Amino acid sequence: MVDSKHQWKAWLYLAPAIVLLLIFTVWPIINTLRMAFLEGYTTAKEANPFIDYEFTVGIGNFVRVIQYPGFMTCLQNTILLCVLTVPISTFLALLIAVALNSIKPLQRLLQTIFFMPYVTNSIAIGMVFAAMFNMIIGGSARPDSVGIINNVLEALGFEYINWMNAGSEYWANIVVMVVYIVWNALPFKILILLGGLQSVNKQYYEAARVDGTPKWRVFTRITIPLLSPMLAYVIITGFIGGFKEYSSIVGIFGESMGPVGNDYALDTMVGFIYRAIGNQEGTASAAALILFAIIFVVTMINLAVSKKSTHY
């Protein structure tokens, strides 16, 4: 137990971190709550910032967010990307982690290779993926420029697909985003699951080997139950990150967040918030609170489900 006479030293050491948290975390949250319920905040402030206006308190900002014509598109895109990418990336990460755990030679090198996307700028990666899926159509029957993905399709005997350029279909855009988000999410999940695998008591596997248990049964009856805490963690954090998806779409499609001629076709909740910041702070704050509420509900549901299926 820390002597009460020396507690001031602990508070002194914690003071810099506490001050930074108060300034850059606690105050922005409080200010967001304040602006969300102040109607006409930006309009009055821009009219004359030197006059002390009395703002109306209400839920008008929330009503404007919900009535925004593109709100359902933003919500639909956000939910769709979450529902598609989180299960796929978690399943692939689990398979890769199990494979890496069973490979002893070059294991460190392979871990480094798989982890590299996690420390790479998402915008830069998005530009690379945009080049891979790109297809520029010229005056001839054959496109002027074809990315590596369409080259692979051609080699396999399939026709070119307009993945993301002008005239592309919504499902093709979603496929591009799912591939990119899954690939970008794998490193963190692999790291967490691999760490969990390496901490599992090897006696379970030795007992299964003695009993002649098939590998698929070992995987479903031993590996997955013992990894359930880590799986619950990566699924919950995956949904939280998925609902905040924005930079990956900008990296591939640019600020229009959609193919040419179909701007904001892949707009998300965070994209809507960023566009509102600067000229409609109250609306942006209300949208941020709505997104927070959605993430909170989904997280609570995930926690409730994980409690029933997690083995410690």
C-alpha atoms as a PDB file:
ATOM      1  CA  MET A   1       0.000   0.000   0.000  1.00  0.00           C
ATOM      2  CA  VAL A   2       1.353   3.450  -0.911  1.00  0.00           C
ATOM      3  CA  ASP A   3       2.153   5.697   2.026  1.00  0.00           C
ATOM      4  CA  SER A   4      -0.299   8.625   2.018  1.00  0.00           C
ATOM      5  CA  LYS A   5       2.611  10.986   2.698  1.00  0.00           C
ATOM      6  CA  HIS A   6       4.192  10.039  -0.619  1.00  0.00           C
ATOM      7  CA  GLN A   7       1.052   9.916  -2.765  1.00  0.00           C
ATOM      8  CA  TRP A   8       1.851  13.360  -4.111  1.00  0.00           C
ATOM      9  CA  LYS A   9       4.773  11.821  -5.993  1.00  0.00           C
ATOM     10  CA  ALA A  10       2.450   9.415  -7.785  1.00  0.00           C
ATOM     11  CA  TRP A  11       0.064  12.249  -8.682  1.00  0.00           C
ATOM     12  CA  LEU A  12       3.037  14.309  -9.873  1.00  0.00           C
ATOM     13  CA  TYR A  13       4.134  11.513 -12.224  1.00  0.00           C
ATOM     14  CA  LEU A  14       0.566  11.090 -13.476  1.00  0.00           C
ATOM     15  CA  ALA A  15      -0.066  14.819 -13.896  1.00  0.00           C
ATOM     16  CA  PRO A  16       1.261  15.193 -17.494  1.00  0.00           C
ATOM     17  CA  ALA A  17      -0.845  12.261 -18.735  1.00  0.00           C
ATOM     18  CA  ILE A  18      -3.918  13.463 -16.827  1.00  0.00           C
ATOM     19  CA  VAL A  19      -3.577  16.996 -18.231  1.00  0.00           C
ATOM     20  CA  LEU A  20      -3.253  15.682 -21.793  1.00  0.00           C
ATOM     21  CA  LEU A  21      -6.275  13.418 -21.336  1.00  0.00           C
ATOM     22  CA  LEU A  22      -8.345  16.276 -19.957  1.00  0.00           C
ATOM     23  CA  ILE A  23      -7.398  18.587 -22.832  1.00  0.00           C
ATOM     24  CA  PHE A  24      -7.512  16.190 -25.788  1.00  0.00           C
ATOM     25  CA  THR A  25     -10.044  13.556 -24.661  1.00  0.00           C
ATOM     26  CA  VAL A  26     -12.333  14.672 -21.849  1.00  0.00           C
ATOM     27  CA  TRP A  27     -12.926  18.255 -23.017  1.00  0.00           C
ATOM     28  CA  PRO A  28     -13.676  17.315 -26.672  1.00  0.00           C
ATOM     29  CA  ILE A  29     -16.258  14.808 -25.434  1.00  0.00           C
ATOM     30  CA  ILE A  30     -17.901  17.405 -23.179  1.00  0.00           C
ATOM     31  CA  ASN A  31     -17.794  20.017 -25.953  1.00  0.00           C
ATOM     32  CA  THR A  32     -19.360  17.567 -28.423  1.00  0.00           C
ATOM     33  CA  LEU A  33     -22.235  16.937 -26.016  1.00  0.00           C
ATOM     34  CA  ARG A  34     -22.676  20.678 -25.554  1.00  0.00           C
ATOM     35  CA  MET A  35     -22.701  21.553 -29.268  1.00  0.00           C
ATOM     36  CA  ALA A  36     -24.998  18.652 -30.174  1.00  0.00           C
ATOM     37  CA  PHE A  37     -27.842  20.227 -28.204  1.00  0.00           C
ATOM     38  CA  LEU A  38     -27.159  23.855 -29.221  1.00  0.00           C
ATOM     39  CA  GLU A  39     -29.287  24.668 -32.250  1.00  0.00           C
ATOM     40  CA  GLY A  40     -28.001  27.285 -34.670  1.00  0.00           C
ATOM     41  CA  TYR A  41     -24.559  27.288 -33.062  1.00  0.00           C
ATOM     42  CA  THR A  42     -22.495  27.740 -36.238  1.00  0.00           C
ATOM     43  CA  THR A  43     -24.844  30.154 -38.022  1.00  0.00           C
ATOM     44  CA  ALA A  44     -24.935  32.592 -35.121  1.00  0.00           C
ATOM     45  CA  LYS A  45     -21.227  32.370 -34.467  1.00  0.00           C
ATOM     46  CA  GLU A  46     -20.319  32.999 -38.103  1.00  0.00           C
ATOM     47  CA  ALA A  47     -22.696  35.968 -38.294  1.00  0.00           C
ATOM     48  CA  ASN A  48     -20.846  37.857 -35.560  1.00  0.00           C
ATOM     49  CA  PRO A  49     -18.407  35.995 -33.315  1.00  0.00           C
ATOM     50  CA  PHE A  50     -18.056  39.027 -31.008  1.00  0.00           C
ATOM     51  CA  ILE A  51     -21.664  38.976 -29.824  1.00  0.00           C
ATOM     52  CA  ASP A  52     -22.682  36.725 -26.938  1.00  0.00           C
ATOM     53  CA  TYR A  53     -25.596  34.824 -28.474  1.00  0.00           C
ATOM     54  CA  GLU A  54     -28.133  32.836 -26.493  1.00  0.00           C
ATOM     55  CA  PHE A  55     -28.485  29.560 -28.329  1.00  0.00           C
ATOM     56  CA  THR A  56     -31.588  27.394 -28.325  1.00  0.00           C
ATOM     57  CA  VAL A  57     -31.239  24.060 -26.571  1.00  0.00           C
ATOM     58  CA  GLY A  58     -33.010  21.149 -28.234  1.00  0.00           C
ATOM     59  CA  ILE A  59     -32.760  18.091 -30.441  1.00  0.00           C
ATOM     60  CA  GLY A  60     -32.938  19.933 -33.748  1.00  0.00           C
ATOM     61  CA  ASN A  61     -29.428  18.853 -34.739  1.00  0.00           C
ATOM     62  CA  PHE A  62     -30.355  15.191 -34.287  1.00  0.00           C
ATOM     63  CA  VAL A  63     -33.489  15.686 -36.389  1.00  0.00           C
ATOM     64  CA  ARG A  64     -31.425  17.288 -39.170  1.00  0.00           C
ATOM     65  CA  VAL A  65     -29.004  14.360 -39.173  1.00  0.00           C
ATOM     66  CA  ILE A  66     -31.789  11.791 -39.474  1.00  0.00           C
ATOM     67  CA  GLN A  67     -33.622  13.840 -42.125  1.00  0.00           C
ATOM     68  CA  TYR A  68     -30.456  14.270 -44.193  1.00  0.00           C
ATOM     69  CA  PRO A  69     -31.163  12.584 -47.581  1.00  0.00           C
ATOM     70  CA  GLY A  70     -27.920  10.601 -47.508  1.00  0.00           C
ATOM     71  CA  PHE A  71     -28.179   9.495 -43.873  1.00  0.00           C
ATOM     72  CA  MET A  72     -29.559   6.037 -44.670  1.00  0.00           C
ATOM     73  CA  THR A  73     -26.867   5.577 -47.333  1.00  0.00           C
ATOM     74  CA  CYS A  74     -24.164   6.437 -44.800  1.00  0.00           C
ATOM     75  CA  LEU A  75     -25.672   4.096 -42.221  1.00  0.00           C
ATOM     76  CA  GLN A  76     -26.209   1.306 -44.760  1.00  0.00           C
ATOM     77  CA  ASN A  77     -22.637   1.475 -46.053  1.00  0.00           C
ATOM     78  CA  THR A  78     -21.215   1.519 -42.533  1.00  0.00           C
ATOM     79  CA  ILE A  79     -23.235  -1.475 -41.354  1.00  0.00           C
ATOM     80  CA  LEU A  80     -22.654  -3.430 -44.565  1.00  0.00           C
ATOM     81  CA  LEU A  81     -18.885  -3.003 -44.403  1.00  0.00           C
ATOM     82  CA  CYS A  82     -18.895  -4.080 -40.742  1.00  0.00           C
ATOM     83  CA  VAL A  83     -21.056  -7.141 -41.312  1.00  0.00           C
ATOM     84  CA  LEU A  84     -18.955  -8.294 -44.269  1.00  0.00           C
ATOM     85  CA  THR A  85     -15.422  -7.497 -43.126  1.00  0.00           C
ATOM     86  CA  VAL A  86     -15.389  -8.417 -39.429  1.00  0.00           C
ATOM     87  CA  PRO A  87     -16.377 -12.121 -39.795  1.00  0.00           C
ATOM     88  CA  ILE A  88     -14.179 -12.629 -42.873  1.00  0.00           C
ATOM     89  CA  SER A  89     -11.104 -10.960 -41.378  1.00  0.00           C
ATOM     90  CA  THR A  90     -11.530 -12.769 -38.042  1.00  0.00           C
ATOM     91  CA  PHE A  91     -11.859 -16.169 -39.712  1.00  0.00           C
ATOM     92  CA  LEU A  92      -8.856 -15.605 -41.989  1.00  0.00           C
ATOM     93  CA  ALA A  93      -6.785 -14.240 -39.096  1.00  0.00           C
ATOM     94  CA  LEU A  94      -7.583 -17.352 -37.057  1.00  0.00           C
ATOM     95  CA  LEU A  95      -6.522 -19.686 -39.863  1.00  0.00           C
ATOM     96  CA  ILE A  96      -3.310 -17.745 -40.508  1.00  0.00           C
ATOM     97  CA  ALA A  97      -2.475 -17.574 -36.792  1.00  0.00           C
ATOM     98  CA  VAL A  98      -2.931 -21.344 -36.432  1.00  0.00           C
ATOM     99  CA  ALA A  99      -0.741 -21.929 -39.504  1.00  0.00           C
ATOM    100  CA  LEU A 100       1.972 -19.563 -38.258  1.00  0.00           C
ATOM    101  CA  ASN A 101       1.924 -21.172 -34.823  1.00  0.00           C
ATOM    102  CA  SER A 102       2.614 -24.580 -36.363  1.00  0.00           C
ATOM    103  CA  ILE A 103       5.508 -23.317 -38.517  1.00  0.00           C
ATOM    104  CA  LYS A 104       8.773 -23.032 -36.626  1.00  0.00           C
ATOM    105  CA  PRO A 105      11.267 -22.120 -39.396  1.00  0.00           C
ATOM    106  CA  LEU A 106      10.986 -18.494 -40.545  1.00  0.00           C
ATOM    107  CA  GLN A 107       8.122 -17.888 -38.092  1.00  0.00           C
ATOM    108  CA  ARG A 108       9.517 -14.506 -36.994  1.00  0.00           C
ATOM    109  CA  LEU A 109      10.046 -13.411 -40.598  1.00  0.00           C
ATOM    110  CA  LEU A 110       6.509 -14.396 -41.588  1.00  0.00           C
ATOM    111  CA  GLN A 111       5.071 -12.590 -38.560  1.00  0.00           C
ATOM    112  CA  THR A 112       6.931  -9.429 -39.606  1.00  0.00           C
ATOM    113  CA  ILE A 113       5.646  -9.716 -43.182  1.00  0.00           C
ATOM    114  CA  PHE A 114       2.041 -10.144 -42.044  1.00  0.00           C
ATOM    115  CA  PHE A 115       2.368  -7.241 -39.603  1.00  0.00           C
ATOM    116  CA  MET A 116       3.763  -4.743 -42.137  1.00  0.00           C
ATOM    117  CA  PRO A 117       0.346  -3.468 -43.355  1.00  0.00           C
ATOM    118  CA  TYR A 118      -0.501  -2.452 -39.787  1.00  0.00           C
ATOM    119  CA  VAL A 119       2.326   0.106 -39.688  1.00  0.00           C
ATOM    120  CA  THR A 120       1.772   1.376 -43.244  1.00  0.00           C
ATOM    121  CA  ASN A 121      -0.227   4.503 -43.977  1.00  0.00           C
ATOM    122  CA  SER A 122      -3.789   3.534 -44.902  1.00  0.00           C
ATOM    123  CA  ILE A 123      -4.057   6.253 -47.554  1.00  0.00           C
ATOM    124  CA  ALA A 124      -0.905   4.976 -49.271  1.00  0.00           C
ATOM    125  CA  ILE A 125      -2.207   1.402 -49.168  1.00  0.00           C
ATOM    126  CA  GLY A 126      -5.527   2.604 -50.570  1.00  0.00           C
ATOM    127  CA  MET A 127      -3.758   4.180 -53.531  1.00  0.00           C
ATOM    128  CA  VAL A 128      -1.977   0.881 -54.224  1.00  0.00           C
ATOM    129  CA  PHE A 129      -5.279  -1.009 -54.127  1.00  0.00           C
ATOM    130  CA  ALA A 130      -6.850   1.607 -56.398  1.00  0.00           C
ATOM    131  CA  ALA A 131      -4.100   0.929 -58.947  1.00  0.00           C
ATOM    132  CA  MET A 132      -4.621  -2.846 -58.606  1.00  0.00           C
ATOM    133  CA  PHE A 133      -8.363  -2.610 -59.325  1.00  0.00           C
ATOM    134  CA  ASN A 134      -8.098   0.250 -61.814  1.00  0.00           C
ATOM    135  CA  MET A 135      -9.461   0.048 -65.369  1.00  0.00           C
ATOM    136  CA  ILE A 136      -9.380   3.095 -67.630  1.00  0.00           C
ATOM    137  CA  ILE A 137     -11.670   2.692 -70.647  1.00  0.00           C
ATOM    138  CA  GLY A 138     -10.568   4.405 -73.857  1.00  0.00           C
ATOM    139  CA  GLY A 139     -11.988   4.596 -77.369  1.00  0.00           C
ATOM    140  CA  SER A 140     -11.035   1.033 -78.306  1.00  0.00           C
ATOM    141  CA  ALA A 141     -12.720  -2.178 -77.256  1.00  0.00           C
ATOM    142  CA  ARG A 142      -9.798  -2.975 -74.943  1.00  0.00           C
ATOM    143  CA  PRO A 143      -9.272  -0.682 -71.929  1.00  0.00           C
ATOM    144  CA  ASP A 144      -6.305   1.657 -72.084  1.00  0.00           C
ATOM    145  CA  SER A 145      -5.117   0.712 -68.611  1.00  0.00           C
ATOM    146  CA  VAL A 146      -5.888  -2.452 -66.678  1.00  0.00           C
ATOM    147  CA  GLY A 147      -4.900  -3.227 -63.080  1.00  0.00           C
ATOM    148  CA  ILE A 148      -3.399  -6.490 -61.899  1.00  0.00           C
ATOM    149  CA  ILE A 149      -6.759  -7.855 -60.708  1.00  0.00           C
ATOM    150  CA  ASN A 150      -8.287  -7.670 -64.187  1.00  0.00           C
ATOM    151  CA  ASN A 151      -5.095  -9.132 -65.657  1.00  0.00           C
ATOM    152  CA  VAL A 152      -5.537 -12.131 -63.372  1.00  0.00           C
ATOM    153  CA  LEU A 153      -9.203 -12.434 -64.409  1.00  0.00           C
ATOM    154  CA  GLU A 154      -8.163 -12.353 -68.066  1.00  0.00           C
ATOM    155  CA  ALA A 155      -5.574 -15.074 -67.453  1.00  0.00           C
ATOM    156  CA  LEU A 156      -8.281 -17.235 -65.872  1.00  0.00           C
ATOM    157  CA  GLY A 157     -10.600 -16.723 -68.851  1.00  0.00           C
ATOM    158  CA  PHE A 158     -12.969 -14.172 -67.298  1.00  0.00           C
ATOM    159  CA  GLU A 159     -13.996 -10.803 -68.658  1.00  0.00           C
ATOM    160  CA  TYR A 160     -12.790  -7.497 -67.266  1.00  0.00           C
ATOM    161  CA  ILE A 161     -14.780  -5.972 -64.417  1.00  0.00           C
ATOM    162  CA  ASN A 162     -15.115  -2.247 -63.872  1.00  0.00           C
ATOM    163  CA  TRP A 163     -14.382  -2.280 -60.165  1.00  0.00           C
ATOM    164  CA  MET A 164     -14.199   1.377 -59.238  1.00  0.00           C
ATOM    165  CA  ASN A 165     -14.113   3.715 -62.216  1.00  0.00           C
ATOM    166  CA  ALA A 166     -16.936   5.750 -63.773  1.00  0.00           C
ATOM    167  CA  GLY A 167     -19.958   3.578 -64.475  1.00  0.00           C
ATOM    168  CA  SER A 168     -18.969   0.849 -62.020  1.00  0.00           C
ATOM    169  CA  GLU A 169     -21.680  -0.926 -60.047  1.00  0.00           C
ATOM    170  CA  TYR A 170     -22.228  -0.641 -56.322  1.00  0.00           C
ATOM    171  CA  TRP A 171     -21.473  -4.313 -55.629  1.00  0.00           C
ATOM    172  CA  ALA A 172     -18.107  -3.990 -57.404  1.00  0.00           C
ATOM    173  CA  ASN A 173     -17.211  -0.992 -55.225  1.00  0.00           C
ATOM    174  CA  ILE A 174     -18.158  -2.945 -52.109  1.00  0.00           C
ATOM    175  CA  VAL A 175     -15.981  -5.889 -53.174  1.00  0.00           C
ATOM    176  CA  VAL A 176     -12.978  -3.578 -53.546  1.00  0.00           C
ATOM    177  CA  MET A 177     -13.567  -2.096 -50.102  1.00  0.00           C
ATOM    178  CA  VAL A 178     -14.114  -5.480 -48.449  1.00  0.00           C
ATOM    179  CA  VAL A 179     -10.869  -6.859 -49.904  1.00  0.00           C
ATOM    180  CA  TYR A 180      -8.920  -3.823 -48.777  1.00  0.00           C
ATOM    181  CA  ILE A 181     -10.426  -3.576 -45.266  1.00  0.00           C
ATOM    182  CA  VAL A 182     -10.009  -7.311 -44.629  1.00  0.00           C
ATOM    183  CA  TRP A 183      -6.386  -7.212 -45.774  1.00  0.00           C
ATOM    184  CA  ASN A 184      -5.713  -4.126 -43.661  1.00  0.00           C
ATOM    185  CA  ALA A 185      -7.381  -5.613 -40.559  1.00  0.00           C
ATOM    186  CA  LEU A 186      -5.569  -8.955 -40.637  1.00  0.00           C
ATOM    187  CA  PRO A 187      -2.205  -7.969 -39.027  1.00  0.00           C
ATOM    188  CA  PHE A 188      -3.619  -6.798 -35.690  1.00  0.00           C
ATOM    189  CA  LYS A 189      -5.953  -9.779 -35.389  1.00  0.00           C
ATOM    190  CA  ILE A 190      -3.228 -12.237 -36.336  1.00  0.00           C
ATOM    191  CA  LEU A 191      -0.946 -10.748 -33.683  1.00  0.00           C
ATOM    192  CA  ILE A 192      -3.580 -11.052 -30.942  1.00  0.00           C
ATOM    193  CA  LEU A 193      -4.653 -14.582 -31.882  1.00  0.00           C
ATOM    194  CA  LEU A 194      -1.073 -15.803 -32.347  1.00  0.00           C
ATOM    195  CA  GLY A 195      -0.193 -14.513 -28.894  1.00  0.00           C
ATOM    196  CA  GLY A 196      -3.178 -16.368 -27.504  1.00  0.00           C
ATOM    197  CA  LEU A 197      -2.185 -19.598 -29.254  1.00  0.00           C
ATOM    198  CA  GLN A 198       1.338 -19.449 -27.901  1.00  0.00           C
ATOM    199  CA  SER A 199       0.005 -19.130 -24.344  1.00  0.00           C
ATOM    200  CA  VAL A 200      -2.253 -22.211 -24.598  1.00  0.00           C
ATOM    201  CA  ASN A 201      -1.179 -25.122 -22.421  1.00  0.00           C
ATOM    202  CA  LYS A 202       0.385 -27.704 -24.759  1.00  0.00           C
ATOM    203  CA  GLN A 203      -0.892 -30.568 -22.595  1.00  0.00           C
ATOM    204  CA  TYR A 204      -4.319 -30.231 -24.227  1.00  0.00           C
ATOM    205  CA  TYR A 205      -2.841 -30.902 -27.660  1.00  0.00           C
ATOM    206  CA  GLU A 206      -0.642 -33.716 -26.384  1.00  0.00           C
ATOM    207  CA  ALA A 207      -3.663 -35.438 -24.819  1.00  0.00           C
ATOM    208  CA  ALA A 208      -5.601 -35.065 -28.076  1.00  0.00           C
ATOM    209  CA  ARG A 209      -2.658 -36.496 -30.031  1.00  0.00           C
ATOM    210  CA  VAL A 210      -2.479 -39.518 -27.718  1.00  0.00           C
ATOM    211  CA  ASP A 211      -6.223 -40.109 -28.179  1.00  0.00           C
ATOM    212  CA  GLY A 212      -5.839 -39.847 -31.961  1.00  0.00           C
ATOM    213  CA  THR A 213      -8.252 -36.908 -32.216  1.00  0.00           C
ATOM    214  CA  PRO A 214      -8.648 -35.579 -35.781  1.00  0.00           C
ATOM    215  CA  LYS A 215      -7.112 -32.169 -36.451  1.00  0.00           C
ATOM    216  CA  TRP A 216     -10.445 -30.572 -37.326  1.00  0.00           C
ATOM    217  CA  ARG A 217     -11.861 -31.706 -33.989  1.00  0.00           C
ATOM    218  CA  VAL A 218      -8.805 -30.377 -32.132  1.00  0.00           C
ATOM    219  CA  PHE A 219      -9.374 -27.062 -33.886  1.00  0.00           C
ATOM    220  CA  THR A 220     -13.080 -26.844 -33.021  1.00  0.00           C
ATOM    221  CA  ARG A 221     -12.992 -28.395 -29.546  1.00  0.00           C
ATOM    222  CA  ILE A 222      -9.668 -27.136 -28.154  1.00  0.00           C
ATOM    223  CA  THR A 223      -8.235 -24.252 -30.161  1.00  0.00           C
ATOM    224  CA  ILE A 224     -11.380 -22.152 -30.646  1.00  0.00           C
ATOM    225  CA  PRO A 225     -12.724 -22.528 -27.044  1.00  0.00           C
ATOM    226  CA  LEU A 226      -9.334 -21.682 -25.537  1.00  0.00           C
ATOM    227  CA  LEU A 227      -9.003 -18.707 -27.881  1.00  0.00           C
ATOM    228  CA  SER A 228     -12.545 -17.465 -27.210  1.00  0.00           C
ATOM    229  CA  PRO A 229     -11.427 -14.507 -25.016  1.00  0.00           C
ATOM    230  CA  MET A 230      -9.089 -13.278 -27.778  1.00  0.00           C
ATOM    231  CA  LEU A 231     -11.713 -13.933 -30.449  1.00  0.00           C
ATOM    232  CA  ALA A 232     -14.274 -11.928 -28.488  1.00  0.00           C
ATOM    233  CA  TYR A 233     -11.769  -9.088 -28.182  1.00  0.00           C
ATOM    234  CA  VAL A 234     -10.878  -8.926 -31.890  1.00  0.00           C
ATOM    235  CA  ILE A 235     -14.551  -9.171 -32.894  1.00  0.00           C
ATOM    236  CA  ILE A 236     -15.605  -6.336 -30.578  1.00  0.00           C
ATOM    237  CA  THR A 237     -12.692  -4.100 -31.591  1.00  0.00           C
ATOM    238  CA  GLY A 238     -13.320  -5.059 -35.217  1.00  0.00           C
ATOM    239  CA  PHE A 239     -16.901  -3.803 -35.078  1.00  0.00           C
ATOM    240  CA  ILE A 240     -15.817  -0.618 -33.314  1.00  0.00           C
ATOM    241  CA  GLY A 241     -13.184   0.030 -35.977  1.00  0.00           C
ATOM    242  CA  GLY A 242     -15.590  -0.917 -38.769  1.00  0.00           C
ATOM    243  CA  PHE A 243     -18.160   1.637 -37.675  1.00  0.00           C
ATOM    244  CA  LYS A 244     -15.426   4.294 -37.855  1.00  0.00           C
ATOM    245  CA  GLU A 245     -14.422   3.379 -41.427  1.00  0.00           C
ATOM    246  CA  TYR A 246     -13.411   6.392 -43.458  1.00  0.00           C
ATOM    247  CA  SER A 247      -9.731   6.653 -44.415  1.00  0.00           C
ATOM    248  CA  SER A 248      -9.730   3.426 -46.433  1.00  0.00           C
ATOM    249  CA  ILE A 249     -12.555   4.690 -48.672  1.00  0.00           C
ATOM    250  CA  VAL A 250     -10.823   8.048 -49.140  1.00  0.00           C
ATOM    251  CA  GLY A 251      -7.580   6.235 -49.950  1.00  0.00           C
ATOM    252  CA  ILE A 252      -9.214   4.337 -52.818  1.00  0.00           C
ATOM    253  CA  PHE A 253     -11.942   6.638 -54.097  1.00  0.00           C
ATOM    254  CA  GLY A 254     -10.672  10.011 -52.896  1.00  0.00           C
ATOM    255  CA  GLU A 255     -12.705  12.670 -51.116  1.00  0.00           C
ATOM    256  CA  SER A 256     -15.716  11.950 -53.346  1.00  0.00           C
ATOM    257  CA  MET A 257     -16.005   8.574 -51.558  1.00  0.00           C
ATOM    258  CA  GLY A 258     -17.369   6.962 -54.688  1.00  0.00           C
ATOM    259  CA  PRO A 259     -16.647   6.413 -58.388  1.00  0.00           C
ATOM    260  CA  VAL A 260     -16.698   9.326 -60.822  1.00  0.00           C
ATOM    261  CA  GLY A 261     -20.261  10.402 -61.477  1.00  0.00           C
ATOM    262  CA  ASN A 262     -21.583   8.738 -58.339  1.00  0.00           C
ATOM    263  CA  ASP A 263     -20.124  10.854 -55.549  1.00  0.00           C
ATOM    264  CA  TYR A 264     -20.572   9.676 -51.958  1.00  0.00           C
ATOM    265  CA  ALA A 265     -21.980   6.319 -53.060  1.00  0.00           C
ATOM    266  CA  LEU A 266     -19.789   4.744 -50.365  1.00  0.00           C
ATOM    267  CA  ASP A 267     -20.179   7.508 -47.818  1.00  0.00           C
ATOM    268  CA  THR A 268     -20.083   6.427 -44.162  1.00  0.00           C
ATOM    269  CA  MET A 269     -21.143   7.930 -40.846  1.00  0.00           C
ATOM    270  CA  VAL A 270     -17.632   9.226 -40.181  1.00  0.00           C
ATOM    271  CA  GLY A 271     -17.509  10.683 -43.680  1.00  0.00           C
ATOM    272  CA  PHE A 272     -20.723  12.588 -42.979  1.00  0.00           C
ATOM    273  CA  ILE A 273     -19.283  13.874 -39.687  1.00  0.00           C
ATOM    274  CA  TYR A 274     -16.085  15.114 -41.319  1.00  0.00           C
ATOM    275  CA  ARG A 275     -18.005  16.962 -44.023  1.00  0.00           C
ATOM    276  CA  ALA A 276     -20.205  18.657 -41.432  1.00  0.00           C
ATOM    277  CA  ILE A 277     -17.245  19.785 -39.312  1.00  0.00           C
ATOM    278  CA  GLY A 278     -16.299  23.350 -40.135  1.00  0.00           C
ATOM    279  CA  ASN A 279     -19.690  24.685 -41.153  1.00  0.00           C
ATOM    280  CA  GLN A 280     -22.226  22.682 -39.141  1.00  0.00           C
ATOM    281  CA  GLU A 281     -20.532  21.795 -35.854  1.00  0.00           C
ATOM    282  CA  GLY A 282     -23.840  21.137 -34.108  1.00  0.00           C
ATOM    283  CA  THR A 283     -24.954  18.686 -36.782  1.00  0.00           C
ATOM    284  CA  ALA A 284     -21.545  16.999 -36.773  1.00  0.00           C
ATOM    285  CA  SER A 285     -21.676  16.644 -32.980  1.00  0.00           C
ATOM    286  CA  ALA A 286     -25.172  15.152 -33.146  1.00  0.00           C
ATOM    287  CA  ALA A 287     -24.038  12.671 -35.812  1.00  0.00           C
ATOM    288  CA  ALA A 288     -21.042  11.741 -33.650  1.00  0.00           C
ATOM    289  CA  LEU A 289     -23.345  11.016 -30.704  1.00  0.00           C
ATOM    290  CA  ILE A 290     -25.642   8.922 -32.905  1.00  0.00           C
ATOM    291  CA  LEU A 291     -22.619   6.934 -34.099  1.00  0.00           C
ATOM    292  CA  PHE A 292     -21.465   6.549 -30.490  1.00  0.00           C
ATOM    293  CA  ALA A 293     -24.887   5.213 -29.507  1.00  0.00           C
ATOM    294  CA  ILE A 294     -24.824   2.676 -32.356  1.00  0.00           C
ATOM    295  CA  ILE A 295     -21.313   1.502 -31.444  1.00  0.00           C
ATOM    296  CA  PHE A 296     -22.297   1.295 -27.766  1.00  0.00           C
ATOM    297  CA  VAL A 297     -25.353  -0.868 -28.490  1.00  0.00           C
ATOM    298  CA  VAL A 298     -23.424  -3.184 -30.825  1.00  0.00           C
ATOM    299  CA  THR A 299     -20.599  -3.491 -28.279  1.00  0.00           C
ATOM    300  CA  MET A 300     -23.036  -4.348 -25.486  1.00  0.00           C
ATOM    301  CA  ILE A 301     -24.637  -7.016 -27.683  1.00  0.00           C
ATOM    302  CA  ASN A 302     -21.216  -8.462 -28.505  1.00  0.00           C
ATOM    303  CA  LEU A 303     -20.266  -8.483 -24.824  1.00  0.00           C
ATOM    304  CA  ALA A 304     -23.500 -10.247 -23.884  1.00  0.00           C
ATOM    305  CA  VAL A 305     -22.987 -12.895 -26.565  1.00  0.00           C
ATOM    306  CA  SER A 306     -19.287 -13.361 -25.756  1.00  0.00           C
ATOM    307  CA  LYS A 307     -20.038 -13.938 -22.060  1.00  0.00           C
ATOM    308  CA  LYS A 308     -22.066 -17.013 -22.968  1.00  0.00           C
ATOM    309  CA  SER A 309     -19.498 -18.421 -25.390  1.00  0.00           C
ATOM    310  CA  THR A 310     -16.202 -17.402 -23.795  1.00  0.00           C
ATOM    311  CA  HIS A 311     -14.175 -19.894 -21.771  1.00  0.00           C
ATOM    312  CA  TYR A 312     -11.568 -18.557 -19.337  1.00  0.00           C
END
